[in-house]
PDB file of N, CA and C in Angstrom:
ATOM      1  N   MET A   1      78.059 -54.852 -75.871  1.00  0.00           N
ATOM      2  CA  MET A   1      79.289 -54.661 -75.122  1.00  0.00           C
ATOM      3  C   MET A   1      80.310 -53.990 -76.023  1.00  0.00           C
ATOM      4  N   ARG A   2      80.939 -52.974 -75.519  1.00  0.00           N
ATOM      5  CA  ARG A   2      81.975 -52.286 -76.283  1.00  0.00           C
ATOM      6  C   ARG A   2      83.245 -53.122 -76.290  1.00  0.00           C
ATOM      7  N   PRO A   3      84.024 -53.084 -77.381  1.00  0.00           N
ATOM      8  CA  PRO A   3      85.277 -53.837 -77.422  1.00  0.00           C
ATOM      9  C   PRO A   3      86.181 -53.492 -76.248  1.00  0.00           C
ATOM     10  N   GLY A   4      86.802 -54.528 -75.704  1.00  0.00           N
ATOM     11  CA  GLY A   4      87.764 -54.337 -74.640  1.00  0.00           C
ATOM     12  C   GLY A   4      87.158 -54.051 -73.281  1.00  0.00           C
ATOM     13  N   GLN A   5      85.843 -54.193 -73.146  1.00  0.00           N
ATOM     14  CA  GLN A   5      85.190 -53.822 -71.904  1.00  0.00           C
ATOM     15  C   GLN A   5      84.752 -55.009 -71.059  1.00  0.00           C
ATOM     16  N   GLY A   6      85.388 -56.158 -71.203  1.00  0.00           N
ATOM     17  CA  GLY A   6      84.896 -57.269 -70.399  1.00  0.00           C
ATOM     18  C   GLY A   6      85.876 -58.400 -70.239  1.00  0.00           C
ATOM     19  N   GLN A   7      85.552 -59.239 -69.303  1.00  0.00           N
ATOM     20  CA  GLN A   7      86.276 -60.478 -69.094  1.00  0.00           C
ATOM     21  C   GLN A   7      85.334 -61.629 -69.407  1.00  0.00           C
ATOM     22  N   PRO A   8      85.872 -62.825 -69.549  1.00  0.00           N
ATOM     23  CA  PRO A   8      85.006 -63.973 -69.793  1.00  0.00           C
ATOM     24  C   PRO A   8      84.019 -64.163 -68.643  1.00  0.00           C
ATOM     25  N   ASN A   9      82.815 -64.593 -68.981  1.00  0.00           N
ATOM     26  CA  ASN A   9      81.809 -64.851 -67.955  1.00  0.00           C
ATOM     27  C   ASN A   9      82.043 -66.243 -67.347  1.00  0.00           C
ATOM     28  N   GLN A  10      81.204 -66.606 -66.413  1.00  0.00           N
ATOM     29  CA  GLN A  10      81.363 -67.868 -65.688  1.00  0.00           C
ATOM     30  C   GLN A  10      81.320 -69.073 -66.628  1.00  0.00           C
ATOM     31  N   LEU A  11      80.405 -69.081 -67.587  1.00  0.00           N
ATOM     32  CA  LEU A  11      80.318 -70.190 -68.541  1.00  0.00           C
ATOM     33  C   LEU A  11      81.571 -70.260 -69.400  1.00  0.00           C
ATOM     34  N   GLU A  12      82.000 -69.147 -69.941  1.00  0.00           N
ATOM     35  CA  GLU A  12      83.194 -69.133 -70.805  1.00  0.00           C
ATOM     36  C   GLU A  12      84.423 -69.620 -70.046  1.00  0.00           C
ATOM     37  N   CYS A  13      84.620 -69.153 -68.816  1.00  0.00           N
ATOM     38  CA  CYS A  13      85.766 -69.599 -68.010  1.00  0.00           C
ATOM     39  C   CYS A  13      85.692 -71.102 -67.737  1.00  0.00           C
ATOM     40  N   ALA A  14      84.508 -71.596 -67.399  1.00  0.00           N
ATOM     41  CA  ALA A  14      84.360 -73.025 -67.120  1.00  0.00           C
ATOM     42  C   ALA A  14      84.680 -73.860 -68.360  1.00  0.00           C
ATOM     43  N   ILE A  15      84.238 -73.409 -69.527  1.00  0.00           N
ATOM     44  CA  ILE A  15      84.531 -74.133 -70.772  1.00  0.00           C
ATOM     45  C   ILE A  15      86.028 -74.113 -71.049  1.00  0.00           C
ATOM     46  N   LEU A  16      86.655 -72.954 -70.934  1.00  0.00           N
ATOM     47  CA  LEU A  16      88.095 -72.861 -71.179  1.00  0.00           C
ATOM     48  C   LEU A  16      88.878 -73.756 -70.218  1.00  0.00           C
ATOM     49  N   GLU A  17      88.501 -73.751 -68.947  1.00  0.00           N
ATOM     50  CA  GLU A  17      89.185 -74.598 -67.964  1.00  0.00           C
ATOM     51  C   GLU A  17      88.976 -76.079 -68.270  1.00  0.00           C
ATOM     52  N   ARG A  18      87.776 -76.435 -68.727  1.00  0.00           N
ATOM     53  CA  ARG A  18      87.504 -77.847 -69.039  1.00  0.00           C
ATOM     54  C   ARG A  18      88.268 -78.281 -70.288  1.00  0.00           C
ATOM     55  N   ILE A  19      88.368 -77.434 -71.296  1.00  0.00           N
ATOM     56  CA  ILE A  19      89.168 -77.764 -72.483  1.00  0.00           C
ATOM     57  C   ILE A  19      90.632 -77.920 -72.086  1.00  0.00           C
ATOM     58  N   ALA A  20      91.126 -77.033 -71.227  1.00  0.00           N
ATOM     59  CA  ALA A  20      92.532 -77.078 -70.796  1.00  0.00           C
ATOM     60  C   ALA A  20      92.843 -78.356 -70.022  1.00  0.00           C
ATOM     61  N   LYS A  21      91.841 -78.941 -69.387  1.00  0.00           N
ATOM     62  CA  LYS A  21      92.038 -80.211 -68.678  1.00  0.00           C
ATOM     63  C   LYS A  21      92.475 -81.309 -69.655  1.00  0.00           C
ATOM     64  N   ASP A  22      91.951 -81.269 -70.885  1.00  0.00           N
ATOM     65  CA  ASP A  22      92.307 -82.254 -71.915  1.00  0.00           C
ATOM     66  C   ASP A  22      93.441 -81.784 -72.815  1.00  0.00           C
ATOM     67  N   GLU A  23      93.737 -80.505 -72.791  1.00  0.00           N
ATOM     68  CA  GLU A  23      94.762 -79.910 -73.654  1.00  0.00           C
ATOM     69  C   GLU A  23      95.759 -79.174 -72.772  1.00  0.00           C
ATOM     70  N   PRO A  24      96.753 -79.883 -72.201  1.00  0.00           N
ATOM     71  CA  PRO A  24      97.640 -79.258 -71.217  1.00  0.00           C
ATOM     72  C   PRO A  24      98.479 -78.095 -71.746  1.00  0.00           C
ATOM     73  N   TRP A  25      98.620 -77.951 -73.033  1.00  0.00           N
ATOM     74  CA  TRP A  25      99.365 -76.824 -73.599  1.00  0.00           C
ATOM     75  C   TRP A  25      98.616 -75.507 -73.420  1.00  0.00           C
ATOM     76  N   LEU A  26      97.307 -75.602 -73.192  1.00  0.00           N
ATOM     77  CA  LEU A  26      96.477 -74.412 -73.020  1.00  0.00           C
ATOM     78  C   LEU A  26      96.528 -74.008 -71.553  1.00  0.00           C
ATOM     79  N   GLN A  27      97.090 -72.858 -71.283  1.00  0.00           N
ATOM     80  CA  GLN A  27      97.327 -72.419 -69.915  1.00  0.00           C
ATOM     81  C   GLN A  27      96.417 -71.249 -69.547  1.00  0.00           C
ATOM     82  N   GLY A  28      95.926 -71.263 -68.324  1.00  0.00           N
ATOM     83  CA  GLY A  28      95.148 -70.165 -67.773  1.00  0.00           C
ATOM     84  C   GLY A  28      96.075 -69.176 -67.094  1.00  0.00           C
ATOM     85  N   PRO A  29      95.599 -68.269 -66.318  1.00  0.00           N
ATOM     86  CA  PRO A  29      94.199 -68.161 -65.917  1.00  0.00           C
ATOM     87  C   PRO A  29      93.356 -67.504 -67.009  1.00  0.00           C
ATOM     88  N   PHE A  30      92.161 -68.000 -67.174  1.00  0.00           N
ATOM     89  CA  PHE A  30      91.315 -67.523 -68.257  1.00  0.00           C
ATOM     90  C   PHE A  30      90.457 -66.325 -67.863  1.00  0.00           C
ATOM     91  N   HIS A  31      90.221 -66.135 -66.569  1.00  0.00           N
ATOM     92  CA  HIS A  31      89.394 -65.002 -66.136  1.00  0.00           C
ATOM     93  C   HIS A  31      90.054 -63.660 -66.459  1.00  0.00           C
ATOM     94  N   SER A  32      91.371 -63.676 -66.744  1.00  0.00           N
ATOM     95  CA  SER A  32      92.055 -62.419 -67.056  1.00  0.00           C
ATOM     96  C   SER A  32      92.098 -62.107 -68.558  1.00  0.00           C
ATOM     97  N   LEU A  33      91.529 -62.993 -69.382  1.00  0.00           N
ATOM     98  CA  LEU A  33      91.446 -62.692 -70.813  1.00  0.00           C
ATOM     99  C   LEU A  33      90.575 -61.460 -71.025  1.00  0.00           C
ATOM    100  N   GLN A  34      90.853 -60.747 -72.095  1.00  0.00           N
ATOM    101  CA  GLN A  34      90.047 -59.575 -72.415  1.00  0.00           C
ATOM    102  C   GLN A  34      89.096 -59.928 -73.549  1.00  0.00           C
ATOM    103  N   VAL A  35      87.813 -59.751 -73.317  1.00  0.00           N
ATOM    104  CA  VAL A  35      86.790 -60.024 -74.316  1.00  0.00           C
ATOM    105  C   VAL A  35      86.647 -58.800 -75.213  1.00  0.00           C
ATOM    106  N   LEU A  36      86.805 -59.015 -76.510  1.00  0.00           N
ATOM    107  CA  LEU A  36      86.618 -57.928 -77.474  1.00  0.00           C
ATOM    108  C   LEU A  36      85.169 -57.820 -77.924  1.00  0.00           C
ATOM    109  N   SER A  37      84.507 -58.980 -78.106  1.00  0.00           N
ATOM    110  CA  SER A  37      83.116 -58.948 -78.564  1.00  0.00           C
ATOM    111  C   SER A  37      82.446 -60.285 -78.290  1.00  0.00           C
ATOM    112  N   ARG A  38      81.121 -60.225 -78.224  1.00  0.00           N
ATOM    113  CA  ARG A  38      80.283 -61.421 -78.156  1.00  0.00           C
ATOM    114  C   ARG A  38      79.198 -61.278 -79.212  1.00  0.00           C
ATOM    115  N   GLU A  39      78.946 -62.371 -79.905  1.00  0.00           N
ATOM    116  CA  GLU A  39      77.877 -62.390 -80.907  1.00  0.00           C
ATOM    117  C   GLU A  39      77.029 -63.622 -80.659  1.00  0.00           C
ATOM    118  N   TYR A  40      75.725 -63.433 -80.512  1.00  0.00           N
ATOM    119  CA  TYR A  40      74.804 -64.543 -80.329  1.00  0.00           C
ATOM    120  C   TYR A  40      74.057 -64.770 -81.632  1.00  0.00           C
ATOM    121  N   THR A  41      74.001 -66.021 -82.059  1.00  0.00           N
ATOM    122  CA  THR A  41      73.423 -66.352 -83.363  1.00  0.00           C
ATOM    123  C   THR A  41      72.019 -66.924 -83.266  1.00  0.00           C
ATOM    124  N   GLY A  42      71.536 -67.191 -82.062  1.00  0.00           N
ATOM    125  CA  GLY A  42      70.238 -67.838 -81.885  1.00  0.00           C
ATOM    126  C   GLY A  42      70.387 -69.330 -81.638  1.00  0.00           C
ATOM    127  N   VAL A  43      71.445 -69.914 -82.173  1.00  0.00           N
ATOM    128  CA  VAL A  43      71.746 -71.336 -81.959  1.00  0.00           C
ATOM    129  C   VAL A  43      73.163 -71.510 -81.415  1.00  0.00           C
ATOM    130  N   GLY A  44      73.698 -70.452 -80.859  1.00  0.00           N
ATOM    131  CA  GLY A  44      75.055 -70.484 -80.317  1.00  0.00           C
ATOM    132  C   GLY A  44      75.597 -69.076 -80.225  1.00  0.00           C
ATOM    133  N   GLY A  45      76.913 -68.993 -80.300  1.00  0.00           N
ATOM    134  CA  GLY A  45      77.524 -67.678 -80.229  1.00  0.00           C
ATOM    135  C   GLY A  45      79.031 -67.745 -80.329  1.00  0.00           C
ATOM    136  N   TYR A  46      79.628 -66.569 -80.432  1.00  0.00           N
ATOM    137  CA  TYR A  46      81.079 -66.430 -80.534  1.00  0.00           C
ATOM    138  C   TYR A  46      81.528 -65.400 -79.508  1.00  0.00           C
ATOM    139  N   THR A  47      82.593 -65.737 -78.782  1.00  0.00           N
ATOM    140  CA  THR A  47      83.259 -64.787 -77.899  1.00  0.00           C
ATOM    141  C   THR A  47      84.660 -64.591 -78.446  1.00  0.00           C
ATOM    142  N   ASN A  48      84.993 -63.375 -78.807  1.00  0.00           N
ATOM    143  CA  ASN A  48      86.306 -63.073 -79.376  1.00  0.00           C
ATOM    144  C   ASN A  48      87.177 -62.415 -78.318  1.00  0.00           C
ATOM    145  N   PHE A  49      88.399 -62.951 -78.169  1.00  0.00           N
ATOM    146  CA  PHE A  49      89.329 -62.476 -77.160  1.00  0.00           C
ATOM    147  C   PHE A  49      90.443 -61.661 -77.789  1.00  0.00           C
ATOM    148  N   LEU A  50      90.994 -60.739 -77.015  1.00  0.00           N
ATOM    149  CA  LEU A  50      92.182 -60.021 -77.439  1.00  0.00           C
ATOM    150  C   LEU A  50      93.309 -61.037 -77.561  1.00  0.00           C
ATOM    151  N   CYS A  51      93.913 -61.098 -78.737  1.00  0.00           N
ATOM    152  CA  CYS A  51      94.983 -62.068 -78.996  1.00  0.00           C
ATOM    153  C   CYS A  51      96.000 -61.391 -79.905  1.00  0.00           C
ATOM    154  N   ASP A  52      97.196 -61.168 -79.370  1.00  0.00           N
ATOM    155  CA  ASP A  52      98.234 -60.465 -80.119  1.00  0.00           C
ATOM    156  C   ASP A  52      98.948 -61.350 -81.130  1.00  0.00           C
ATOM    157  N   GLN A  53      98.721 -62.648 -81.056  1.00  0.00           N
ATOM    158  CA  GLN A  53      99.366 -63.586 -81.978  1.00  0.00           C
ATOM    159  C   GLN A  53      98.638 -63.570 -83.321  1.00  0.00           C
ATOM    160  N   ALA A  54      99.386 -63.665 -84.384  1.00  0.00           N
ATOM    161  CA  ALA A  54      98.791 -63.750 -85.717  1.00  0.00           C
ATOM    162  C   ALA A  54      98.324 -65.184 -85.972  1.00  0.00           C
ATOM    163  N   GLU A  55      97.274 -65.308 -86.737  1.00  0.00           N
ATOM    164  CA  GLU A  55      96.794 -66.628 -87.135  1.00  0.00           C
ATOM    165  C   GLU A  55      97.840 -67.287 -88.016  1.00  0.00           C
ATOM    166  N   ALA A  56      98.016 -68.592 -87.837  1.00  0.00           N
ATOM    167  CA  ALA A  56      99.019 -69.329 -88.608  1.00  0.00           C
ATOM    168  C   ALA A  56      98.446 -70.676 -89.030  1.00  0.00           C
ATOM    169  N   PRO A  57      98.921 -71.216 -90.153  1.00  0.00           N
ATOM    170  CA  PRO A  57      98.472 -72.552 -90.552  1.00  0.00           C
ATOM    171  C   PRO A  57      98.777 -73.551 -89.439  1.00  0.00           C
ATOM    172  N   GLY A  58      97.848 -74.440 -89.194  1.00  0.00           N
ATOM    173  CA  GLY A  58      98.051 -75.457 -88.177  1.00  0.00           C
ATOM    174  C   GLY A  58      97.699 -75.028 -86.764  1.00  0.00           C
ATOM    175  N   ASP A  59      97.132 -73.816 -86.599  1.00  0.00           N
ATOM    176  CA  ASP A  59      96.714 -73.390 -85.263  1.00  0.00           C
ATOM    177  C   ASP A  59      95.689 -74.386 -84.727  1.00  0.00           C
ATOM    178  N   PRO A  60      95.768 -74.703 -83.438  1.00  0.00           N
ATOM    179  CA  PRO A  60      94.841 -75.682 -82.873  1.00  0.00           C
ATOM    180  C   PRO A  60      93.435 -75.121 -82.677  1.00  0.00           C
ATOM    181  N   TYR A  61      92.469 -76.013 -82.687  1.00  0.00           N
ATOM    182  CA  TYR A  61      91.088 -75.648 -82.395  1.00  0.00           C
ATOM    183  C   TYR A  61      90.440 -76.813 -81.635  1.00  0.00           C
ATOM    184  N   PRO A  62      90.804 -76.926 -80.348  1.00  0.00           N
ATOM    185  CA  PRO A  62      90.275 -78.031 -79.551  1.00  0.00           C
ATOM    186  C   PRO A  62      88.793 -77.858 -79.252  1.00  0.00           C
ATOM    187  N   GLY A  63      88.098 -78.987 -79.233  1.00  0.00           N
ATOM    188  CA  GLY A  63      86.684 -78.990 -78.889  1.00  0.00           C
ATOM    189  C   GLY A  63      86.462 -79.401 -77.443  1.00  0.00           C
ATOM    190  N   LEU A  64      85.349 -78.993 -76.907  1.00  0.00           N
ATOM    191  CA  LEU A  64      84.947 -79.387 -75.567  1.00  0.00           C
ATOM    192  C   LEU A  64      84.403 -80.800 -75.650  1.00  0.00           C
ATOM    193  N   LYS A  65      84.950 -81.715 -74.862  1.00  0.00           N
ATOM    194  CA  LYS A  65      84.515 -83.109 -74.920  1.00  0.00           C
ATOM    195  C   LYS A  65      83.173 -83.353 -74.239  1.00  0.00           C
ATOM    196  N   PRO A  66      82.938 -82.834 -73.018  1.00  0.00           N
ATOM    197  CA  PRO A  66      81.617 -83.069 -72.430  1.00  0.00           C
ATOM    198  C   PRO A  66      80.540 -82.201 -73.082  1.00  0.00           C
ATOM    199  N   LEU A  67      79.310 -82.605 -72.876  1.00  0.00           N
ATOM    200  CA  LEU A  67      78.149 -81.861 -73.342  1.00  0.00           C
ATOM    201  C   LEU A  67      77.827 -80.780 -72.328  1.00  0.00           C
ATOM    202  N   ILE A  68      77.479 -79.592 -72.803  1.00  0.00           N
ATOM    203  CA  ILE A  68      77.020 -78.519 -71.918  1.00  0.00           C
ATOM    204  C   ILE A  68      75.509 -78.683 -71.766  1.00  0.00           C
ATOM    205  N   ARG A  69      75.063 -78.803 -70.538  1.00  0.00           N
ATOM    206  CA  ARG A  69      73.629 -78.888 -70.247  1.00  0.00           C
ATOM    207  C   ARG A  69      73.155 -77.540 -69.723  1.00  0.00           C
ATOM    208  N   LEU A  70      72.074 -77.055 -70.318  1.00  0.00           N
ATOM    209  CA  LEU A  70      71.462 -75.780 -69.909  1.00  0.00           C
ATOM    210  C   LEU A  70      69.951 -75.947 -69.851  1.00  0.00           C
ATOM    211  N   PRO A  71      69.307 -75.375 -68.838  1.00  0.00           N
ATOM    212  CA  PRO A  71      67.848 -75.376 -68.839  1.00  0.00           C
ATOM    213  C   PRO A  71      67.331 -74.694 -70.107  1.00  0.00           C
ATOM    214  N   GLY A  72      66.356 -75.305 -70.749  1.00  0.00           N
ATOM    215  CA  GLY A  72      65.778 -74.733 -71.959  1.00  0.00           C
ATOM    216  C   GLY A  72      66.508 -75.106 -73.241  1.00  0.00           C
ATOM    217  N   VAL A  73      67.592 -75.876 -73.147  1.00  0.00           N
ATOM    218  CA  VAL A  73      68.319 -76.346 -74.337  1.00  0.00           C
ATOM    219  C   VAL A  73      68.358 -77.881 -74.231  1.00  0.00           C
ATOM    220  N   PRO A  74      67.279 -78.553 -74.677  1.00  0.00           N
ATOM    221  CA  PRO A  74      67.117 -79.976 -74.406  1.00  0.00           C
ATOM    222  C   PRO A  74      68.213 -80.888 -74.964  1.00  0.00           C
ATOM    223  N   ASN A  75      68.779 -80.562 -76.107  1.00  0.00           N
ATOM    224  CA  ASN A  75      69.797 -81.426 -76.708  1.00  0.00           C
ATOM    225  C   ASN A  75      71.221 -81.057 -76.300  1.00  0.00           C
ATOM    226  N   GLY A  76      71.362 -79.996 -75.508  1.00  0.00           N
ATOM    227  CA  GLY A  76      72.680 -79.598 -75.029  1.00  0.00           C
ATOM    228  C   GLY A  76      73.457 -78.774 -76.043  1.00  0.00           C
ATOM    229  N   MET A  77      74.673 -78.422 -75.623  1.00  0.00           N
ATOM    230  CA  MET A  77      75.533 -77.571 -76.436  1.00  0.00           C
ATOM    231  C   MET A  77      76.955 -78.118 -76.473  1.00  0.00           C
ATOM    232  N   GLY A  78      77.686 -77.677 -77.475  1.00  0.00           N
ATOM    233  CA  GLY A  78      79.100 -77.983 -77.604  1.00  0.00           C
ATOM    234  C   GLY A  78      79.882 -76.692 -77.773  1.00  0.00           C
ATOM    235  N   ALA A  79      81.207 -76.825 -77.797  1.00  0.00           N
ATOM    236  CA  ALA A  79      82.059 -75.647 -77.935  1.00  0.00           C
ATOM    237  C   ALA A  79      83.368 -76.023 -78.620  1.00  0.00           C
ATOM    238  N   VAL A  80      83.913 -75.069 -79.349  1.00  0.00           N
ATOM    239  CA  VAL A  80      85.223 -75.193 -79.993  1.00  0.00           C
ATOM    240  C   VAL A  80      85.995 -73.921 -79.682  1.00  0.00           C
ATOM    241  N   LEU A  81      87.255 -74.080 -79.326  1.00  0.00           N
ATOM    242  CA  LEU A  81      88.120 -72.939 -79.038  1.00  0.00           C
ATOM    243  C   LEU A  81      89.093 -72.754 -80.187  1.00  0.00           C
ATOM    244  N   TRP A  82      89.021 -71.618 -80.839  1.00  0.00           N
ATOM    245  CA  TRP A  82      89.937 -71.295 -81.937  1.00  0.00           C
ATOM    246  C   TRP A  82      91.124 -70.553 -81.334  1.00  0.00           C
ATOM    247  N   CYS A  83      92.320 -71.066 -81.579  1.00  0.00           N
ATOM    248  CA  CYS A  83      93.532 -70.505 -80.982  1.00  0.00           C
ATOM    249  C   CYS A  83      94.476 -69.977 -82.052  1.00  0.00           C
ATOM    250  N   HIS A  84      95.301 -69.029 -81.647  1.00  0.00           N
ATOM    251  CA  HIS A  84      96.451 -68.585 -82.432  1.00  0.00           C
ATOM    252  C   HIS A  84      97.654 -69.018 -81.610  1.00  0.00           C
ATOM    253  N   GLY A  85      98.310 -70.073 -82.060  1.00  0.00           N
ATOM    254  CA  GLY A  85      99.367 -70.673 -81.251  1.00  0.00           C
ATOM    255  C   GLY A  85      98.741 -71.282 -80.011  1.00  0.00           C
ATOM    256  N   VAL A  86      99.239 -70.921 -78.835  1.00  0.00           N
ATOM    257  CA  VAL A  86      98.684 -71.443 -77.579  1.00  0.00           C
ATOM    258  C   VAL A  86      97.730 -70.445 -76.923  1.00  0.00           C
ATOM    259  N   TYR A  87      97.329 -69.408 -77.648  1.00  0.00           N
ATOM    260  CA  TYR A  87      96.497 -68.345 -77.093  1.00  0.00           C
ATOM    261  C   TYR A  87      95.064 -68.424 -77.620  1.00  0.00           C
ATOM    262  N   PRO A  88      94.070 -68.365 -76.729  1.00  0.00           N
ATOM    263  CA  PRO A  88      92.675 -68.349 -77.168  1.00  0.00           C
ATOM    264  C   PRO A  88      92.372 -67.107 -78.006  1.00  0.00           C
ATOM    265  N   ALA A  89      91.737 -67.323 -79.141  1.00  0.00           N
ATOM    266  CA  ALA A  89      91.341 -66.210 -80.008  1.00  0.00           C
ATOM    267  C   ALA A  89      89.822 -66.062 -80.056  1.00  0.00           C
ATOM    268  N   SER A  90      89.098 -67.187 -80.136  1.00  0.00           N
ATOM    269  CA  SER A  90      87.647 -67.137 -80.239  1.00  0.00           C
ATOM    270  C   SER A  90      87.054 -68.428 -79.694  1.00  0.00           C
ATOM    271  N   LEU A  91      85.983 -68.302 -78.930  1.00  0.00           N
ATOM    272  CA  LEU A  91      85.257 -69.446 -78.397  1.00  0.00           C
ATOM    273  C   LEU A  91      83.920 -69.515 -79.111  1.00  0.00           C
ATOM    274  N   GLU A  92      83.672 -70.635 -79.783  1.00  0.00           N
ATOM    275  CA  GLU A  92      82.412 -70.847 -80.488  1.00  0.00           C
ATOM    276  C   GLU A  92      81.551 -71.805 -79.679  1.00  0.00           C
ATOM    277  N   LEU A  93      80.318 -71.411 -79.421  1.00  0.00           N
ATOM    278  CA  LEU A  93      79.339 -72.269 -78.751  1.00  0.00           C
ATOM    279  C   LEU A  93      78.232 -72.576 -79.741  1.00  0.00           C
ATOM    280  N   PHE A  94      77.684 -73.795 -79.672  1.00  0.00           N
ATOM    281  CA  PHE A  94      76.637 -74.187 -80.605  1.00  0.00           C
ATOM    282  C   PHE A  94      75.700 -75.180 -79.942  1.00  0.00           C
ATOM    283  N   THR A  95      74.437 -75.152 -80.363  1.00  0.00           N
ATOM    284  CA  THR A  95      73.457 -76.106 -79.853  1.00  0.00           C
ATOM    285  C   THR A  95      73.405 -77.312 -80.774  1.00  0.00           C
ATOM    286  N   TYR A  96      72.946 -78.411 -80.210  1.00  0.00           N
ATOM    287  CA  TYR A  96      72.690 -79.618 -81.002  1.00  0.00           C
ATOM    288  C   TYR A  96      71.212 -79.669 -81.343  1.00  0.00           C
ATOM    289  N   GLY A  97      70.895 -80.284 -82.471  1.00  0.00           N
ATOM    290  CA  GLY A  97      69.507 -80.345 -82.900  1.00  0.00           C
ATOM    291  C   GLY A  97      69.043 -78.982 -83.376  1.00  0.00           C
ATOM    292  N   ASP A  98      67.788 -78.724 -83.195  1.00  0.00           N
ATOM    293  CA  ASP A  98      67.201 -77.438 -83.607  1.00  0.00           C
ATOM    294  C   ASP A  98      66.997 -76.504 -82.423  1.00  0.00           C
ATOM    295  N   ASP A  99      67.723 -76.745 -81.337  1.00  0.00           N
ATOM    296  CA  ASP A  99      67.546 -75.950 -80.124  1.00  0.00           C
ATOM    297  C   ASP A  99      67.995 -74.508 -80.333  1.00  0.00           C
ATOM    298  N   ALA A 100      67.267 -73.597 -79.723  1.00  0.00           N
ATOM    299  CA  ALA A 100      67.636 -72.180 -79.722  1.00  0.00           C
ATOM    300  C   ALA A 100      68.336 -71.862 -78.406  1.00  0.00           C
ATOM    301  N   TRP A 101      69.194 -70.835 -78.422  1.00  0.00           N
ATOM    302  CA  TRP A 101      69.877 -70.374 -77.214  1.00  0.00           C
ATOM    303  C   TRP A 101      70.028 -68.870 -77.311  1.00  0.00           C
ATOM    304  N   ASP A 102      69.653 -68.187 -76.219  1.00  0.00           N
ATOM    305  CA  ASP A 102      69.673 -66.720 -76.218  1.00  0.00           C
ATOM    306  C   ASP A 102      70.865 -66.125 -75.475  1.00  0.00           C
ATOM    307  N   GLY A 103      71.801 -66.961 -75.054  1.00  0.00           N
ATOM    308  CA  GLY A 103      72.990 -66.460 -74.367  1.00  0.00           C
ATOM    309  C   GLY A 103      72.932 -66.573 -72.858  1.00  0.00           C
ATOM    310  N   THR A 104      71.774 -66.920 -72.300  1.00  0.00           N
ATOM    311  CA  THR A 104      71.703 -67.089 -70.847  1.00  0.00           C
ATOM    312  C   THR A 104      72.356 -68.416 -70.463  1.00  0.00           C
ATOM    313  N   PHE A 105      72.999 -68.436 -69.288  1.00  0.00           N
ATOM    314  CA  PHE A 105      73.740 -69.647 -68.925  1.00  0.00           C
ATOM    315  C   PHE A 105      73.547 -70.058 -67.467  1.00  0.00           C
ATOM    316  N   GLU A 106      72.594 -69.488 -66.764  1.00  0.00           N
ATOM    317  CA  GLU A 106      72.349 -69.873 -65.385  1.00  0.00           C
ATOM    318  C   GLU A 106      71.966 -71.348 -65.335  1.00  0.00           C
ATOM    319  N   GLY A 107      72.546 -72.068 -64.383  1.00  0.00           N
ATOM    320  CA  GLY A 107      72.227 -73.479 -64.204  1.00  0.00           C
ATOM    321  C   GLY A 107      72.958 -74.422 -65.142  1.00  0.00           C
ATOM    322  N   PHE A 108      74.027 -73.962 -65.784  1.00  0.00           N
ATOM    323  CA  PHE A 108      74.750 -74.844 -66.709  1.00  0.00           C
ATOM    324  C   PHE A 108      75.505 -75.923 -65.936  1.00  0.00           C
ATOM    325  N   SER A 109      75.752 -77.036 -66.626  1.00  0.00           N
ATOM    326  CA  SER A 109      76.584 -78.114 -66.085  1.00  0.00           C
ATOM    327  C   SER A 109      77.205 -78.848 -67.266  1.00  0.00           C
ATOM    328  N   PHE A 110      78.201 -79.653 -66.958  1.00  0.00           N
ATOM    329  CA  PHE A 110      78.827 -80.486 -67.984  1.00  0.00           C
ATOM    330  C   PHE A 110      78.411 -81.920 -67.767  1.00  0.00           C
ATOM    331  N   GLU A 111      78.092 -82.587 -68.855  1.00  0.00           N
ATOM    332  CA  GLU A 111      77.773 -84.014 -68.842  1.00  0.00           C
ATOM    333  C   GLU A 111      78.940 -84.729 -69.512  1.00  0.00           C
ATOM    334  N   GLU A 112      79.772 -85.338 -68.695  1.00  0.00           N
ATOM    335  CA  GLU A 112      81.029 -85.908 -69.179  1.00  0.00           C
ATOM    336  C   GLU A 112      80.850 -86.981 -70.245  1.00  0.00           C
ATOM    337  N   ASN A 113      79.790 -87.735 -70.202  1.00  0.00           N
ATOM    338  CA  ASN A 113      79.578 -88.794 -71.193  1.00  0.00           C
ATOM    339  C   ASN A 113      78.485 -88.416 -72.168  1.00  0.00           C
ATOM    340  N   GLY A 114      78.353 -87.125 -72.433  1.00  0.00           N
ATOM    341  CA  GLY A 114      77.224 -86.619 -73.224  1.00  0.00           C
ATOM    342  C   GLY A 114      77.294 -86.889 -74.705  1.00  0.00           C
ATOM    343  N   ARG A 115      78.413 -86.681 -75.360  1.00  0.00           N
ATOM    344  CA  ARG A 115      78.503 -86.860 -76.818  1.00  0.00           C
ATOM    345  C   ARG A 115      79.799 -87.565 -77.138  1.00  0.00           C
TER     346      ARG A 115
END
């Protein structure tokens, strides 16, 4: 994907909305964020958003409380949102255990009491 050529996908929006449920300072709408890049690591990935705010000491990095359930990822996944002030800068996704993930997200769900 070329920089600046996308919006968050369904999984990314759902994660951002779920984090915002626990972190009221984080405001949407998230579908209008501009995705600069996505990188898949084999055990997770990073989605980097256009963020005009400079990084500052003490910037928040809230984690997703429920477990992400995906077919083919038996131990589930977690996520952390790296922010600059109140603005999303990067969404990190990661698997638990030795599970691999190729970036597909069809059939995802959240398990509220997962971890």
